[in-house]
Amino acid sequence: MVLTINVAVLLAIIIILRLRRRTEARKRSDEQLTVVIVLVFGVLIAPTAFGQWIVDIVRGLAEGITRSGTP
């Protein structure tokens, strides 16, 4: 039996666990590590269908905000 772990799923779990902690107790290096983990997660998930779906949603939101600001 071979167990495979998707790295993006593992990073998502790590991100959720890290963000659940209280913000007052974090050090600067701890925050920087969280940023690096999130960036790596973004690079891993970007070429997937789910990543493209997220990009489309964010693009639509940005266009809607831009259009709402113009008369």
C-alpha atoms as a PDB file:
ATOM      1  CA  MET A   1       0.000   0.000   0.000  1.00  0.00           C
ATOM      2  CA  VAL A   2       1.409   3.358  -1.079  1.00  0.00           C
ATOM      3  CA  LEU A   3       0.307   6.539   0.643  1.00  0.00           C
ATOM      4  CA  THR A   4       0.542   9.715  -1.398  1.00  0.00           C
ATOM      5  CA  ILE A   5       0.066  13.198  -0.016  1.00  0.00           C
ATOM      6  CA  ASN A   6      -0.685  16.172  -2.202  1.00  0.00           C
ATOM      7  CA  VAL A   7       1.737  18.923  -1.156  1.00  0.00           C
ATOM      8  CA  ALA A   8      -0.838  21.652  -1.786  1.00  0.00           C
ATOM      9  CA  VAL A   9      -3.339  19.948   0.520  1.00  0.00           C
ATOM     10  CA  LEU A  10      -0.672  19.532   3.198  1.00  0.00           C
ATOM     11  CA  LEU A  11       0.259  23.213   2.947  1.00  0.00           C
ATOM     12  CA  ALA A  12      -3.417  24.211   3.137  1.00  0.00           C
ATOM     13  CA  ILE A  13      -3.755  22.280   6.389  1.00  0.00           C
ATOM     14  CA  ILE A  14      -0.594  23.889   7.765  1.00  0.00           C
ATOM     15  CA  ILE A  15      -1.864  27.355   6.809  1.00  0.00           C
ATOM     16  CA  ILE A  16      -5.207  26.776   8.516  1.00  0.00           C
ATOM     17  CA  LEU A  17      -3.509  25.555  11.690  1.00  0.00           C
ATOM     18  CA  ARG A  18      -1.075  28.483  11.735  1.00  0.00           C
ATOM     19  CA  LEU A  19      -3.788  31.085  11.178  1.00  0.00           C
ATOM     20  CA  ARG A  20      -5.993  29.712  13.962  1.00  0.00           C
ATOM     21  CA  ARG A  21      -3.453  30.777  16.578  1.00  0.00           C
ATOM     22  CA  ARG A  22      -3.697  34.092  18.382  1.00  0.00           C
ATOM     23  CA  THR A  23      -1.968  36.947  16.573  1.00  0.00           C
ATOM     24  CA  GLU A  24      -0.622  38.568  19.742  1.00  0.00           C
ATOM     25  CA  ALA A  25       1.701  35.651  20.443  1.00  0.00           C
ATOM     26  CA  ARG A  26       3.437  35.668  17.065  1.00  0.00           C
ATOM     27  CA  LYS A  27       7.004  36.703  16.465  1.00  0.00           C
ATOM     28  CA  ARG A  28       8.147  38.489  13.336  1.00  0.00           C
ATOM     29  CA  SER A  29       9.933  35.373  12.073  1.00  0.00           C
ATOM     30  CA  ASP A  30       6.758  33.348  12.644  1.00  0.00           C
ATOM     31  CA  GLU A  31       4.768  35.781  10.503  1.00  0.00           C
ATOM     32  CA  GLN A  32       7.429  35.674   7.776  1.00  0.00           C
ATOM     33  CA  LEU A  33       7.302  31.882   7.725  1.00  0.00           C
ATOM     34  CA  THR A  34       3.522  32.008   7.327  1.00  0.00           C
ATOM     35  CA  VAL A  35       3.907  34.385   4.375  1.00  0.00           C
ATOM     36  CA  VAL A  36       6.437  32.071   2.708  1.00  0.00           C
ATOM     37  CA  ILE A  37       4.170  29.056   3.202  1.00  0.00           C
ATOM     38  CA  VAL A  38       1.213  30.931   1.705  1.00  0.00           C
ATOM     39  CA  LEU A  39       3.307  32.023  -1.293  1.00  0.00           C
ATOM     40  CA  VAL A  40       4.463  28.460  -1.944  1.00  0.00           C
ATOM     41  CA  PHE A  41       0.862  27.294  -1.644  1.00  0.00           C
ATOM     42  CA  GLY A  42      -0.169  29.892  -4.214  1.00  0.00           C
ATOM     43  CA  VAL A  43       2.524  28.760  -6.638  1.00  0.00           C
ATOM     44  CA  LEU A  44       1.481  25.130  -6.257  1.00  0.00           C
ATOM     45  CA  ILE A  45      -2.235  25.741  -6.676  1.00  0.00           C
ATOM     46  CA  ALA A  46      -2.095  28.375  -9.471  1.00  0.00           C
ATOM     47  CA  PRO A  47      -1.830  26.012 -12.476  1.00  0.00           C
ATOM     48  CA  THR A  48      -4.644  23.736 -11.288  1.00  0.00           C
ATOM     49  CA  ALA A  49      -8.305  24.042 -12.297  1.00  0.00           C
ATOM     50  CA  PHE A  50      -9.171  25.134  -8.748  1.00  0.00           C
ATOM     51  CA  GLY A  51      -6.473  27.820  -8.904  1.00  0.00           C
ATOM     52  CA  GLN A  52      -7.822  29.116 -12.207  1.00  0.00           C
ATOM     53  CA  TRP A  53     -11.314  29.218 -10.702  1.00  0.00           C
ATOM     54  CA  ILE A  54     -10.023  31.352  -7.824  1.00  0.00           C
ATOM     55  CA  VAL A  55      -8.268  33.689 -10.295  1.00  0.00           C
ATOM     56  CA  ASP A  56     -11.495  34.075 -12.286  1.00  0.00           C
ATOM     57  CA  ILE A  57     -13.476  34.924  -9.125  1.00  0.00           C
ATOM     58  CA  VAL A  58     -10.906  37.472  -7.948  1.00  0.00           C
ATOM     59  CA  ARG A  59     -10.733  38.989 -11.441  1.00  0.00           C
ATOM     60  CA  GLY A  60     -14.527  39.313 -11.525  1.00  0.00           C
ATOM     61  CA  LEU A  61     -14.587  40.952  -8.092  1.00  0.00           C
ATOM     62  CA  ALA A  62     -11.832  43.390  -9.085  1.00  0.00           C
ATOM     63  CA  GLU A  63     -13.662  44.324 -12.298  1.00  0.00           C
ATOM     64  CA  GLY A  64     -16.898  44.823 -10.372  1.00  0.00           C
ATOM     65  CA  ILE A  65     -15.202  47.098  -7.843  1.00  0.00           C
ATOM     66  CA  THR A  66     -13.536  49.050 -10.637  1.00  0.00           C
ATOM     67  CA  ARG A  67     -16.842  49.492 -12.489  1.00  0.00           C
ATOM     68  CA  SER A  68     -18.652  50.580  -9.320  1.00  0.00           C
ATOM     69  CA  GLY A  69     -16.141  53.383  -8.777  1.00  0.00           C
ATOM     70  CA  THR A  70     -16.755  54.992 -12.168  1.00  0.00           C
ATOM     71  CA  PRO A  71     -19.898  57.094 -12.829  1.00  0.00           C
END
